[in-house]
Amino acid sequence: MNGDGKIGLPDPGQCGEDGKDIKARDGDEVPSADGEGDDVSDDEESMDCYEALVLMKSRVLLVENDDSTRYVIGALLRNCGYQVTETSNGLQAWRILKDTSNHIDLVLTEVNLPRLSGIALLCKIMNHKTRKNIPVIMMSTHDSGALVLKCLSKGATDFLVKPVRKNELKFLWQHIWRRRQNNGFPCGSKGDTQDLKPKSDGDSNFQPQQQ
């Protein structure tokens, strides 16, 4: 975990003078996903995959119980080019995920949630036949080493410390890209992070909140 509280990704760049600008700003330049000094071909490939994933409208399931925080993070995600499905508790998030006809590329969830905690939700996802392939990013205002290690040991892909910055959200596509590569899908393909033909296991009539 670096000074920004981010796990497993290189520093994507600065975002504000003190790391607290959580308001979306129009016209922000999208920096390269790779570090300086890499080959130009790697930069171009990385950005091509970013553009492909954005054009495919990758969908993020945002799970946050605080209304104002959910509104801000949701707006930042949309400003970065993602489609967003929002919910305020872990139980409803699991109902969305259980219906595998709902296309979800990545889950961004608060640790402390009502009805079903973020960690319990993470465990359910990791134990599901197909949904375990979806990257799960945990977030919290608490950044204790014990909490971070607990989330990562249970299968979380990354851990973000609130307030979450726009650059941290902008580069969530890297997790989707890597997971698709691991599953054998090129970044520009229509392959999901779940099986090509998933079987629904209930709640097929549930309609998630899409914005």
N, C-alpha and C. Protein backbone atom coordinates (compact mmCIF):
# COMPACT_ATOMS: atom_id res chain seq x y z
N MET A 1 0.86 -1.19 0.00
CA MET A 1 0.00 0.00 0.00
C MET A 1 0.89 1.23 0.00
N ASN A 2 0.68 2.09 -0.99
CA ASN A 2 1.49 3.30 -1.06
C ASN A 2 0.88 4.40 -0.23
N GLY A 3 1.43 5.60 -0.34
CA GLY A 3 0.96 6.70 0.50
C GLY A 3 -0.46 7.11 0.21
N ASP A 4 -0.95 6.77 -1.01
CA ASP A 4 -2.34 7.12 -1.35
C ASP A 4 -3.32 6.08 -0.87
N GLY A 5 -2.81 4.96 -0.30
CA GLY A 5 -3.71 3.92 0.17
C GLY A 5 -4.14 2.99 -0.92
N LYS A 6 -3.40 2.96 -2.08
CA LYS A 6 -3.82 2.14 -3.19
C LYS A 6 -2.95 0.90 -3.26
N ILE A 7 -3.56 -0.26 -3.58
CA ILE A 7 -2.86 -1.51 -3.58
C ILE A 7 -2.74 -2.04 -5.00
N GLY A 8 -1.59 -2.51 -5.39
CA GLY A 8 -1.43 -3.35 -6.56
C GLY A 8 -1.34 -2.64 -7.89
N LEU A 9 -1.40 -1.32 -7.98
CA LEU A 9 -1.29 -0.62 -9.25
C LEU A 9 -0.24 0.48 -9.13
N PRO A 10 0.46 0.76 -10.22
CA PRO A 10 1.39 1.89 -10.18
C PRO A 10 0.64 3.19 -10.02
N ASP A 11 1.33 4.20 -9.46
CA ASP A 11 0.71 5.51 -9.28
C ASP A 11 0.31 6.09 -10.61
N PRO A 12 -1.00 6.32 -10.86
CA PRO A 12 -1.45 6.80 -12.16
C PRO A 12 -1.17 8.27 -12.38
N GLY A 13 -0.71 8.98 -11.38
CA GLY A 13 -0.44 10.42 -11.56
C GLY A 13 -1.13 11.23 -10.48
N GLN A 14 -0.87 12.51 -10.50
CA GLN A 14 -1.43 13.38 -9.49
C GLN A 14 -2.85 13.78 -9.84
N CYS A 15 -3.62 14.07 -8.82
CA CYS A 15 -5.01 14.48 -9.04
C CYS A 15 -5.35 15.49 -7.96
N GLY A 16 -4.93 16.73 -8.12
CA GLY A 16 -5.17 17.74 -7.11
C GLY A 16 -3.95 17.92 -6.23
N GLU A 17 -3.91 19.02 -5.54
CA GLU A 17 -2.73 19.35 -4.76
C GLU A 17 -2.59 18.48 -3.53
N ASP A 18 -3.70 18.12 -2.91
CA ASP A 18 -3.60 17.37 -1.66
C ASP A 18 -4.32 16.04 -1.73
N GLY A 19 -4.70 15.59 -2.94
CA GLY A 19 -5.32 14.27 -3.08
C GLY A 19 -6.74 14.24 -2.62
N LYS A 20 -7.42 15.38 -2.52
CA LYS A 20 -8.78 15.37 -1.99
C LYS A 20 -9.81 15.91 -2.97
N ASP A 21 -9.43 16.07 -4.22
CA ASP A 21 -10.41 16.61 -5.16
C ASP A 21 -11.28 15.48 -5.67
N ILE A 22 -12.48 15.38 -5.13
CA ILE A 22 -13.37 14.30 -5.50
C ILE A 22 -14.43 14.77 -6.46
N LYS A 23 -14.34 16.01 -6.91
CA LYS A 23 -15.31 16.51 -7.87
C LYS A 23 -14.80 16.27 -9.28
N ALA A 24 -15.69 15.78 -10.15
CA ALA A 24 -15.31 15.53 -11.53
C ALA A 24 -15.05 16.85 -12.22
N ARG A 25 -14.00 16.88 -13.05
CA ARG A 25 -13.66 18.07 -13.80
C ARG A 25 -13.68 17.76 -15.28
N ASP A 26 -14.45 18.53 -16.05
CA ASP A 26 -14.52 18.33 -17.48
C ASP A 26 -13.18 18.67 -18.11
N GLY A 27 -12.83 17.91 -19.15
CA GLY A 27 -11.62 18.21 -19.90
C GLY A 27 -10.36 17.68 -19.27
N ASP A 28 -10.46 16.85 -18.20
CA ASP A 28 -9.26 16.27 -17.61
C ASP A 28 -8.59 15.36 -18.62
N GLU A 29 -7.30 15.49 -18.74
CA GLU A 29 -6.55 14.66 -19.68
C GLU A 29 -6.38 13.27 -19.10
N VAL A 30 -6.52 12.25 -19.94
CA VAL A 30 -6.32 10.87 -19.51
C VAL A 30 -4.85 10.54 -19.65
N PRO A 31 -4.13 10.38 -18.54
CA PRO A 31 -2.70 10.09 -18.64
C PRO A 31 -2.46 8.66 -19.07
N SER A 32 -1.22 8.37 -19.46
CA SER A 32 -0.88 7.02 -19.88
C SER A 32 -1.00 6.07 -18.71
N ALA A 33 -1.48 4.85 -18.98
CA ALA A 33 -1.65 3.86 -17.91
C ALA A 33 -0.32 3.25 -17.51
N ASP A 34 0.70 3.36 -18.36
CA ASP A 34 1.99 2.76 -18.06
C ASP A 34 2.94 3.82 -17.52
N GLY A 35 3.97 3.38 -16.82
CA GLY A 35 4.92 4.31 -16.27
C GLY A 35 5.80 4.91 -17.34
N GLU A 36 6.46 6.02 -16.99
CA GLU A 36 7.36 6.68 -17.92
C GLU A 36 8.55 5.77 -18.19
N GLY A 37 9.06 5.85 -19.43
CA GLY A 37 10.21 5.04 -19.79
C GLY A 37 9.84 3.76 -20.47
N ASP A 38 8.54 3.38 -20.55
CA ASP A 38 8.12 2.18 -21.23
C ASP A 38 8.15 2.41 -22.73
N ASP A 39 8.13 1.34 -23.49
CA ASP A 39 8.13 1.46 -24.93
C ASP A 39 6.86 2.12 -25.40
N VAL A 40 6.96 2.87 -26.50
CA VAL A 40 5.80 3.54 -27.04
C VAL A 40 4.74 2.54 -27.45
N SER A 41 5.18 1.37 -27.94
CA SER A 41 4.22 0.36 -28.37
C SER A 41 3.37 -0.13 -27.20
N ASP A 42 3.98 -0.25 -26.00
CA ASP A 42 3.22 -0.66 -24.82
C ASP A 42 2.21 0.41 -24.43
N ASP A 43 2.61 1.70 -24.52
CA ASP A 43 1.68 2.79 -24.23
C ASP A 43 0.49 2.76 -25.17
N GLU A 44 0.79 2.56 -26.46
CA GLU A 44 -0.27 2.58 -27.46
C GLU A 44 -1.22 1.40 -27.25
N GLU A 45 -0.66 0.23 -26.94
CA GLU A 45 -1.51 -0.95 -26.71
C GLU A 45 -2.40 -0.73 -25.50
N SER A 46 -1.81 -0.16 -24.42
CA SER A 46 -2.57 0.08 -23.20
C SER A 46 -3.71 1.05 -23.45
N MET A 47 -3.44 2.15 -24.16
CA MET A 47 -4.46 3.14 -24.42
C MET A 47 -5.51 2.61 -25.40
N ASP A 48 -5.09 1.74 -26.37
CA ASP A 48 -6.06 1.13 -27.27
C ASP A 48 -7.04 0.28 -26.49
N CYS A 49 -6.55 -0.44 -25.49
CA CYS A 49 -7.43 -1.28 -24.67
C CYS A 49 -8.33 -0.42 -23.80
N TYR A 50 -7.79 0.71 -23.30
CA TYR A 50 -8.62 1.62 -22.53
C TYR A 50 -9.78 2.12 -23.38
N GLU A 51 -9.46 2.55 -24.61
CA GLU A 51 -10.49 3.07 -25.50
C GLU A 51 -11.51 1.99 -25.84
N ALA A 52 -11.01 0.76 -26.06
CA ALA A 52 -11.93 -0.34 -26.39
C ALA A 52 -12.88 -0.63 -25.24
N LEU A 53 -12.35 -0.64 -24.01
CA LEU A 53 -13.19 -0.94 -22.86
C LEU A 53 -14.19 0.18 -22.61
N VAL A 54 -13.77 1.43 -22.82
CA VAL A 54 -14.69 2.55 -22.63
C VAL A 54 -15.78 2.51 -23.69
N LEU A 55 -15.39 2.24 -24.93
CA LEU A 55 -16.38 2.17 -26.00
C LEU A 55 -17.37 1.03 -25.76
N MET A 56 -16.90 -0.03 -25.13
CA MET A 56 -17.79 -1.15 -24.80
C MET A 56 -18.65 -0.83 -23.58
N LYS A 57 -18.44 0.34 -22.98
CA LYS A 57 -19.23 0.76 -21.83
C LYS A 57 -19.14 -0.27 -20.70
N SER A 58 -17.95 -0.49 -20.21
CA SER A 58 -17.77 -1.41 -19.09
C SER A 58 -18.63 -0.96 -17.92
N ARG A 59 -19.31 -1.92 -17.28
CA ARG A 59 -20.25 -1.59 -16.22
C ARG A 59 -19.66 -1.90 -14.85
N VAL A 60 -19.74 -0.91 -13.97
CA VAL A 60 -19.28 -1.03 -12.59
C VAL A 60 -20.48 -1.11 -11.66
N LEU A 61 -20.49 -2.09 -10.78
CA LEU A 61 -21.50 -2.16 -9.72
C LEU A 61 -20.93 -1.42 -8.51
N LEU A 62 -21.53 -0.28 -8.18
CA LEU A 62 -21.10 0.55 -7.05
C LEU A 62 -21.98 0.27 -5.85
N VAL A 63 -21.36 -0.15 -4.75
CA VAL A 63 -22.09 -0.48 -3.52
C VAL A 63 -21.61 0.45 -2.42
N GLU A 64 -22.46 1.40 -2.05
CA GLU A 64 -22.09 2.43 -1.07
C GLU A 64 -23.35 2.87 -0.33
N ASN A 65 -23.32 2.80 1.00
CA ASN A 65 -24.53 3.10 1.78
C ASN A 65 -24.73 4.59 2.03
N ASP A 66 -23.67 5.39 1.96
CA ASP A 66 -23.81 6.83 2.16
C ASP A 66 -24.26 7.48 0.85
N ASP A 67 -25.40 8.17 0.91
CA ASP A 67 -26.00 8.71 -0.32
C ASP A 67 -25.09 9.71 -1.02
N SER A 68 -24.51 10.65 -0.27
CA SER A 68 -23.69 11.68 -0.89
C SER A 68 -22.41 11.09 -1.49
N THR A 69 -21.81 10.15 -0.78
CA THR A 69 -20.60 9.50 -1.30
C THR A 69 -20.91 8.69 -2.55
N ARG A 70 -22.04 7.99 -2.52
CA ARG A 70 -22.44 7.20 -3.69
C ARG A 70 -22.69 8.11 -4.89
N TYR A 71 -23.28 9.26 -4.65
CA TYR A 71 -23.55 10.20 -5.74
C TYR A 71 -22.25 10.71 -6.36
N VAL A 72 -21.29 11.09 -5.50
CA VAL A 72 -20.02 11.65 -6.00
C VAL A 72 -19.22 10.59 -6.75
N ILE A 73 -19.08 9.40 -6.16
CA ILE A 73 -18.30 8.36 -6.82
C ILE A 73 -18.97 7.91 -8.12
N GLY A 74 -20.30 7.82 -8.09
CA GLY A 74 -21.02 7.46 -9.31
C GLY A 74 -20.79 8.46 -10.42
N ALA A 75 -20.81 9.76 -10.07
CA ALA A 75 -20.59 10.81 -11.06
C ALA A 75 -19.17 10.75 -11.61
N LEU A 76 -18.19 10.48 -10.75
CA LEU A 76 -16.81 10.37 -11.20
C LEU A 76 -16.62 9.18 -12.14
N LEU A 77 -17.25 8.06 -11.81
CA LEU A 77 -17.15 6.88 -12.67
C LEU A 77 -17.73 7.16 -14.05
N ARG A 78 -18.87 7.82 -14.09
CA ARG A 78 -19.49 8.13 -15.39
C ARG A 78 -18.64 9.12 -16.17
N ASN A 79 -18.03 10.05 -15.45
CA ASN A 79 -17.15 11.02 -16.10
C ASN A 79 -15.93 10.35 -16.71
N CYS A 80 -15.55 9.20 -16.14
CA CYS A 80 -14.42 8.43 -16.67
C CYS A 80 -14.84 7.51 -17.81
N GLY A 81 -16.13 7.44 -18.11
CA GLY A 81 -16.59 6.65 -19.24
C GLY A 81 -17.25 5.33 -18.91
N TYR A 82 -17.41 5.02 -17.62
CA TYR A 82 -18.03 3.76 -17.24
C TYR A 82 -19.55 3.88 -17.17
N GLN A 83 -20.24 2.76 -17.37
CA GLN A 83 -21.63 2.66 -17.00
C GLN A 83 -21.68 2.23 -15.54
N VAL A 84 -22.68 2.69 -14.81
CA VAL A 84 -22.70 2.44 -13.37
C VAL A 84 -24.07 1.93 -12.94
N THR A 85 -24.07 0.85 -12.18
CA THR A 85 -25.25 0.37 -11.47
C THR A 85 -24.99 0.61 -9.99
N GLU A 86 -25.91 1.30 -9.32
CA GLU A 86 -25.70 1.68 -7.93
C GLU A 86 -26.66 0.95 -7.00
N THR A 87 -26.17 0.66 -5.81
CA THR A 87 -27.01 0.12 -4.75
C THR A 87 -26.44 0.54 -3.41
N SER A 88 -27.29 0.56 -2.39
CA SER A 88 -26.89 1.10 -1.09
C SER A 88 -26.58 0.04 -0.04
N ASN A 89 -26.76 -1.24 -0.35
CA ASN A 89 -26.47 -2.27 0.65
C ASN A 89 -25.97 -3.54 -0.02
N GLY A 90 -25.28 -4.36 0.75
CA GLY A 90 -24.66 -5.57 0.23
C GLY A 90 -25.65 -6.62 -0.23
N LEU A 91 -26.80 -6.70 0.45
CA LEU A 91 -27.78 -7.72 0.08
C LEU A 91 -28.36 -7.46 -1.30
N GLN A 92 -28.69 -6.22 -1.58
CA GLN A 92 -29.21 -5.89 -2.90
C GLN A 92 -28.13 -6.07 -3.97
N ALA A 93 -26.89 -5.76 -3.62
CA ALA A 93 -25.80 -5.97 -4.57
C ALA A 93 -25.68 -7.46 -4.92
N TRP A 94 -25.82 -8.31 -3.93
CA TRP A 94 -25.73 -9.75 -4.19
C TRP A 94 -26.90 -10.23 -5.04
N ARG A 95 -28.08 -9.66 -4.84
CA ARG A 95 -29.22 -10.02 -5.68
C ARG A 95 -28.95 -9.65 -7.13
N ILE A 96 -28.33 -8.50 -7.35
CA ILE A 96 -27.97 -8.10 -8.72
C ILE A 96 -26.98 -9.09 -9.31
N LEU A 97 -25.98 -9.47 -8.53
CA LEU A 97 -24.94 -10.35 -9.03
C LEU A 97 -25.43 -11.79 -9.22
N LYS A 98 -26.35 -12.23 -8.37
CA LYS A 98 -26.88 -13.59 -8.50
C LYS A 98 -27.57 -13.80 -9.83
N ASP A 99 -28.21 -12.75 -10.34
CA ASP A 99 -28.85 -12.84 -11.65
C ASP A 99 -27.76 -12.61 -12.69
N THR A 100 -27.23 -13.69 -13.25
CA THR A 100 -26.09 -13.57 -14.15
C THR A 100 -26.45 -13.00 -15.51
N SER A 101 -27.73 -12.67 -15.72
CA SER A 101 -28.08 -11.95 -16.94
C SER A 101 -27.72 -10.47 -16.83
N ASN A 102 -27.44 -9.99 -15.61
CA ASN A 102 -26.98 -8.62 -15.39
C ASN A 102 -25.49 -8.54 -15.70
N HIS A 103 -25.13 -7.75 -16.68
CA HIS A 103 -23.73 -7.63 -17.09
C HIS A 103 -22.98 -6.72 -16.12
N ILE A 104 -22.02 -7.28 -15.41
CA ILE A 104 -21.19 -6.52 -14.47
C ILE A 104 -19.73 -6.86 -14.76
N ASP A 105 -18.90 -5.83 -14.98
CA ASP A 105 -17.48 -6.04 -15.26
C ASP A 105 -16.60 -5.88 -14.03
N LEU A 106 -17.06 -5.09 -13.05
CA LEU A 106 -16.24 -4.83 -11.87
C LEU A 106 -17.15 -4.40 -10.73
N VAL A 107 -16.81 -4.80 -9.51
CA VAL A 107 -17.56 -4.41 -8.31
C VAL A 107 -16.68 -3.48 -7.48
N LEU A 108 -17.23 -2.32 -7.13
CA LEU A 108 -16.56 -1.36 -6.25
C LEU A 108 -17.44 -1.21 -5.01
N THR A 109 -16.98 -1.71 -3.88
CA THR A 109 -17.85 -1.77 -2.70
C THR A 109 -17.17 -1.24 -1.45
N GLU A 110 -17.97 -0.56 -0.65
CA GLU A 110 -17.58 -0.13 0.70
C GLU A 110 -17.46 -1.37 1.59
N VAL A 111 -16.55 -1.33 2.54
CA VAL A 111 -16.37 -2.45 3.46
C VAL A 111 -17.55 -2.55 4.43
N ASN A 112 -17.91 -1.42 5.03
CA ASN A 112 -18.99 -1.41 6.03
C ASN A 112 -20.32 -1.10 5.35
N LEU A 113 -21.16 -2.12 5.24
CA LEU A 113 -22.46 -1.98 4.58
C LEU A 113 -23.56 -2.55 5.46
N PRO A 114 -24.79 -2.03 5.33
CA PRO A 114 -25.92 -2.61 6.06
C PRO A 114 -26.40 -3.89 5.40
N ARG A 115 -27.02 -4.74 6.20
CA ARG A 115 -27.67 -5.97 5.75
C ARG A 115 -26.69 -7.07 5.33
N LEU A 116 -25.68 -6.72 4.58
CA LEU A 116 -24.62 -7.67 4.20
C LEU A 116 -23.34 -6.86 4.02
N SER A 117 -22.33 -7.15 4.81
CA SER A 117 -21.11 -6.34 4.78
C SER A 117 -20.37 -6.52 3.46
N GLY A 118 -19.47 -5.57 3.20
CA GLY A 118 -18.68 -5.66 1.98
C GLY A 118 -17.82 -6.91 1.94
N ILE A 119 -17.27 -7.30 3.08
CA ILE A 119 -16.44 -8.50 3.13
C ILE A 119 -17.29 -9.75 2.90
N ALA A 120 -18.50 -9.79 3.49
CA ALA A 120 -19.40 -10.92 3.25
C ALA A 120 -19.80 -10.99 1.78
N LEU A 121 -20.05 -9.83 1.17
CA LEU A 121 -20.36 -9.78 -0.25
C LEU A 121 -19.18 -10.31 -1.07
N LEU A 122 -17.98 -9.90 -0.71
CA LEU A 122 -16.78 -10.37 -1.38
C LEU A 122 -16.68 -11.90 -1.32
N CYS A 123 -16.94 -12.45 -0.16
CA CYS A 123 -16.87 -13.91 0.00
C CYS A 123 -17.90 -14.62 -0.87
N LYS A 124 -19.11 -14.08 -0.95
CA LYS A 124 -20.14 -14.67 -1.79
C LYS A 124 -19.72 -14.65 -3.26
N ILE A 125 -19.13 -13.53 -3.68
CA ILE A 125 -18.68 -13.41 -5.07
C ILE A 125 -17.59 -14.43 -5.35
N MET A 126 -16.62 -14.55 -4.45
CA MET A 126 -15.49 -15.45 -4.66
C MET A 126 -15.92 -16.92 -4.65
N ASN A 127 -17.05 -17.23 -4.01
CA ASN A 127 -17.54 -18.60 -3.95
C ASN A 127 -18.52 -18.94 -5.06
N HIS A 128 -18.84 -17.95 -5.90
CA HIS A 128 -19.79 -18.18 -6.99
C HIS A 128 -19.05 -18.72 -8.21
N LYS A 129 -19.70 -19.64 -8.94
CA LYS A 129 -19.04 -20.33 -10.06
C LYS A 129 -18.52 -19.37 -11.11
N THR A 130 -19.30 -18.38 -11.49
CA THR A 130 -18.90 -17.48 -12.56
C THR A 130 -18.57 -16.07 -12.07
N ARG A 131 -19.27 -15.59 -11.06
CA ARG A 131 -19.03 -14.23 -10.60
C ARG A 131 -17.67 -14.07 -9.94
N LYS A 132 -17.03 -15.16 -9.56
CA LYS A 132 -15.70 -15.07 -8.94
C LYS A 132 -14.68 -14.50 -9.91
N ASN A 133 -15.02 -14.46 -11.20
CA ASN A 133 -14.10 -13.90 -12.19
C ASN A 133 -14.16 -12.38 -12.27
N ILE A 134 -15.10 -11.77 -11.56
CA ILE A 134 -15.25 -10.32 -11.60
C ILE A 134 -14.28 -9.68 -10.60
N PRO A 135 -13.49 -8.70 -11.02
CA PRO A 135 -12.63 -8.00 -10.05
C PRO A 135 -13.46 -7.26 -9.01
N VAL A 136 -13.07 -7.38 -7.76
CA VAL A 136 -13.77 -6.70 -6.66
C VAL A 136 -12.79 -5.74 -5.99
N ILE A 137 -13.17 -4.46 -5.98
CA ILE A 137 -12.35 -3.42 -5.35
C ILE A 137 -13.04 -2.98 -4.07
N MET A 138 -12.33 -3.08 -2.95
CA MET A 138 -12.87 -2.66 -1.67
C MET A 138 -12.45 -1.22 -1.39
N MET A 139 -13.29 -0.49 -0.63
CA MET A 139 -12.93 0.88 -0.25
C MET A 139 -13.44 1.17 1.16
N SER A 140 -12.70 2.04 1.84
CA SER A 140 -13.06 2.38 3.21
C SER A 140 -12.28 3.62 3.63
N THR A 141 -12.80 4.31 4.65
CA THR A 141 -12.05 5.42 5.23
C THR A 141 -10.96 4.90 6.15
N HIS A 142 -11.04 3.64 6.54
CA HIS A 142 -10.04 3.01 7.41
C HIS A 142 -9.02 2.28 6.54
N ASP A 143 -7.75 2.49 6.83
CA ASP A 143 -6.70 1.89 6.02
C ASP A 143 -5.72 1.07 6.86
N SER A 144 -6.22 0.45 7.92
CA SER A 144 -5.35 -0.36 8.76
C SER A 144 -4.82 -1.54 7.95
N GLY A 145 -3.59 -1.92 8.25
CA GLY A 145 -2.98 -3.04 7.54
C GLY A 145 -3.77 -4.32 7.69
N ALA A 146 -4.35 -4.52 8.87
CA ALA A 146 -5.12 -5.74 9.10
C ALA A 146 -6.35 -5.81 8.21
N LEU A 147 -7.04 -4.67 8.05
CA LEU A 147 -8.23 -4.64 7.21
C LEU A 147 -7.87 -4.85 5.74
N VAL A 148 -6.82 -4.19 5.28
CA VAL A 148 -6.39 -4.34 3.89
C VAL A 148 -6.02 -5.79 3.59
N LEU A 149 -5.23 -6.40 4.47
CA LEU A 149 -4.80 -7.78 4.28
C LEU A 149 -5.98 -8.74 4.32
N LYS A 150 -6.95 -8.46 5.18
CA LYS A 150 -8.13 -9.32 5.27
C LYS A 150 -8.89 -9.31 3.96
N CYS A 151 -9.08 -8.12 3.39
CA CYS A 151 -9.80 -8.02 2.11
C CYS A 151 -9.04 -8.71 0.98
N LEU A 152 -7.73 -8.47 0.90
CA LEU A 152 -6.94 -9.07 -0.16
C LEU A 152 -6.87 -10.59 -0.02
N SER A 153 -6.78 -11.07 1.21
CA SER A 153 -6.68 -12.51 1.43
C SER A 153 -7.98 -13.23 1.07
N LYS A 154 -9.09 -12.51 1.10
CA LYS A 154 -10.38 -13.11 0.75
C LYS A 154 -10.72 -12.95 -0.72
N GLY A 155 -9.80 -12.34 -1.49
CA GLY A 155 -10.00 -12.31 -2.93
C GLY A 155 -10.15 -10.95 -3.57
N ALA A 156 -10.09 -9.87 -2.77
CA ALA A 156 -10.22 -8.53 -3.35
C ALA A 156 -9.04 -8.25 -4.28
N THR A 157 -9.31 -7.54 -5.37
CA THR A 157 -8.27 -7.19 -6.34
C THR A 157 -7.48 -5.97 -5.89
N ASP A 158 -8.14 -5.06 -5.19
CA ASP A 158 -7.48 -3.82 -4.78
C ASP A 158 -8.23 -3.24 -3.59
N PHE A 159 -7.62 -2.25 -2.94
CA PHE A 159 -8.21 -1.58 -1.79
C PHE A 159 -7.96 -0.09 -1.94
N LEU A 160 -9.02 0.70 -1.94
CA LEU A 160 -8.92 2.15 -2.06
C LEU A 160 -9.31 2.81 -0.75
N VAL A 161 -8.57 3.83 -0.38
CA VAL A 161 -8.86 4.58 0.84
C VAL A 161 -9.64 5.84 0.47
N LYS A 162 -10.75 6.07 1.15
CA LYS A 162 -11.55 7.26 0.91
C LYS A 162 -10.89 8.49 1.55
N PRO A 163 -11.08 9.67 0.96
CA PRO A 163 -11.88 9.94 -0.24
C PRO A 163 -11.21 9.42 -1.50
N VAL A 164 -12.00 8.75 -2.33
CA VAL A 164 -11.47 8.18 -3.56
C VAL A 164 -11.26 9.28 -4.59
N ARG A 165 -10.11 9.23 -5.27
CA ARG A 165 -9.78 10.25 -6.25
C ARG A 165 -10.15 9.80 -7.66
N LYS A 166 -10.36 10.77 -8.52
CA LYS A 166 -10.79 10.47 -9.88
C LYS A 166 -9.78 9.61 -10.62
N ASN A 167 -8.49 9.88 -10.46
CA ASN A 167 -7.48 9.09 -11.16
C ASN A 167 -7.51 7.63 -10.74
N GLU A 168 -7.84 7.37 -9.47
CA GLU A 168 -7.94 5.98 -9.02
C GLU A 168 -9.09 5.27 -9.72
N LEU A 169 -10.18 5.97 -9.93
CA LEU A 169 -11.32 5.39 -10.62
C LEU A 169 -11.07 5.27 -12.12
N LYS A 170 -10.36 6.24 -12.67
CA LYS A 170 -10.09 6.25 -14.12
C LYS A 170 -9.36 4.99 -14.54
N PHE A 171 -8.48 4.48 -13.66
CA PHE A 171 -7.66 3.34 -14.03
C PHE A 171 -8.20 2.01 -13.54
N LEU A 172 -9.46 1.97 -13.12
CA LEU A 172 -10.08 0.70 -12.78
C LEU A 172 -10.16 -0.21 -14.00
N TRP A 173 -10.16 0.38 -15.21
CA TRP A 173 -10.23 -0.42 -16.43
C TRP A 173 -9.08 -1.42 -16.51
N GLN A 174 -7.95 -1.13 -15.86
CA GLN A 174 -6.82 -2.04 -15.92
C GLN A 174 -7.17 -3.39 -15.31
N HIS A 175 -7.95 -3.37 -14.24
CA HIS A 175 -8.36 -4.64 -13.61
C HIS A 175 -9.24 -5.44 -14.55
N ILE A 176 -10.16 -4.76 -15.26
CA ILE A 176 -11.03 -5.45 -16.21
C ILE A 176 -10.21 -6.02 -17.35
N TRP A 177 -9.27 -5.23 -17.85
CA TRP A 177 -8.41 -5.64 -18.95
C TRP A 177 -7.60 -6.88 -18.57
N ARG A 178 -6.96 -6.83 -17.40
CA ARG A 178 -6.14 -7.95 -16.98
C ARG A 178 -6.97 -9.21 -16.77
N ARG A 179 -8.15 -9.06 -16.19
CA ARG A 179 -9.00 -10.23 -15.96
C ARG A 179 -9.47 -10.83 -17.28
N ARG A 180 -9.78 -9.98 -18.26
CA ARG A 180 -10.18 -10.50 -19.57
C ARG A 180 -9.02 -11.20 -20.25
N GLN A 181 -7.82 -10.67 -20.11
CA GLN A 181 -6.65 -11.34 -20.68
C GLN A 181 -6.44 -12.70 -20.03
N ASN A 182 -6.60 -12.77 -18.72
CA ASN A 182 -6.44 -14.04 -18.00
C ASN A 182 -7.48 -15.06 -18.42
N ASN A 183 -8.68 -14.57 -18.81
CA ASN A 183 -9.75 -15.45 -19.24
C ASN A 183 -9.69 -15.75 -20.74
N GLY A 184 -8.69 -15.18 -21.42
CA GLY A 184 -8.52 -15.47 -22.82
C GLY A 184 -9.30 -14.60 -23.77
N PHE A 185 -9.82 -13.44 -23.27
CA PHE A 185 -10.56 -12.52 -24.12
C PHE A 185 -9.68 -11.35 -24.50
N PRO A 186 -9.52 -11.05 -25.81
CA PRO A 186 -8.82 -9.82 -26.19
C PRO A 186 -9.55 -8.61 -25.64
N CYS A 187 -8.82 -7.51 -25.42
CA CYS A 187 -9.43 -6.35 -24.77
C CYS A 187 -10.55 -5.75 -25.59
N GLY A 188 -10.57 -5.95 -26.90
CA GLY A 188 -11.62 -5.38 -27.74
C GLY A 188 -12.76 -6.32 -28.02
N SER A 189 -12.73 -7.52 -27.43
CA SER A 189 -13.77 -8.51 -27.70
C SER A 189 -14.98 -8.24 -26.84
N LYS A 190 -16.05 -8.97 -27.10
CA LYS A 190 -17.26 -8.83 -26.32
C LYS A 190 -17.31 -9.80 -25.16
N GLY A 191 -16.20 -10.49 -24.92
CA GLY A 191 -16.16 -11.46 -23.84
C GLY A 191 -16.36 -10.79 -22.50
N ASP A 192 -17.17 -11.41 -21.64
CA ASP A 192 -17.43 -10.87 -20.32
C ASP A 192 -16.40 -11.43 -19.36
N THR A 193 -16.36 -10.91 -18.15
CA THR A 193 -15.50 -11.45 -17.12
C THR A 193 -16.15 -12.65 -16.45
N GLN A 194 -17.23 -13.10 -17.01
CA GLN A 194 -17.88 -14.31 -16.55
C GLN A 194 -17.97 -15.26 -17.74
N ASP A 195 -18.57 -16.43 -17.58
CA ASP A 195 -18.68 -17.39 -18.67
C ASP A 195 -19.44 -16.79 -19.84
N LEU A 196 -19.15 -17.30 -21.04
CA LEU A 196 -19.82 -16.77 -22.22
C LEU A 196 -21.32 -17.01 -22.16
N LYS A 197 -21.72 -18.15 -21.62
CA LYS A 197 -23.13 -18.48 -21.52
C LYS A 197 -23.47 -18.83 -20.08
N PRO A 198 -23.53 -17.84 -19.20
CA PRO A 198 -23.78 -18.12 -17.78
C PRO A 198 -25.20 -18.61 -17.57
N LYS A 199 -25.33 -19.43 -16.55
CA LYS A 199 -26.65 -19.92 -16.17
C LYS A 199 -27.19 -19.10 -15.02
N SER A 200 -28.43 -18.66 -15.13
CA SER A 200 -29.04 -17.88 -14.07
C SER A 200 -29.36 -18.80 -12.91
N ASP A 201 -29.13 -18.31 -11.68
CA ASP A 201 -29.43 -19.14 -10.51
C ASP A 201 -30.37 -18.41 -9.56
N GLY A 202 -31.33 -17.70 -10.15
CA GLY A 202 -32.36 -17.11 -9.31
C GLY A 202 -32.48 -15.62 -9.46
N ASP A 203 -33.61 -15.09 -8.91
CA ASP A 203 -33.88 -13.65 -8.94
C ASP A 203 -33.86 -13.10 -10.36
N SER A 204 -34.34 -13.86 -11.32
CA SER A 204 -34.27 -13.44 -12.72
C SER A 204 -35.18 -12.25 -13.00
N ASN A 205 -36.14 -12.01 -12.14
CA ASN A 205 -37.05 -10.89 -12.35
C ASN A 205 -36.59 -9.60 -11.67
N PHE A 206 -35.46 -9.68 -10.98
CA PHE A 206 -34.98 -8.50 -10.26
C PHE A 206 -34.41 -7.50 -11.23
N GLN A 207 -34.81 -6.25 -11.12
CA GLN A 207 -34.33 -5.20 -12.01
C GLN A 207 -33.38 -4.27 -11.25
N PRO A 208 -32.07 -4.29 -11.57
CA PRO A 208 -31.14 -3.42 -10.85
C PRO A 208 -31.37 -1.97 -11.20
N GLN A 209 -30.94 -1.09 -10.29
CA GLN A 209 -31.02 0.36 -10.52
C GLN A 209 -29.90 0.76 -11.43
N GLN A 210 -30.21 1.21 -12.64
CA GLN A 210 -29.21 1.64 -13.60
C GLN A 210 -29.38 3.12 -13.86
N GLN A 211 -28.24 3.83 -13.87
CA GLN A 211 -28.26 5.27 -14.06
C GLN A 211 -27.25 5.65 -15.10
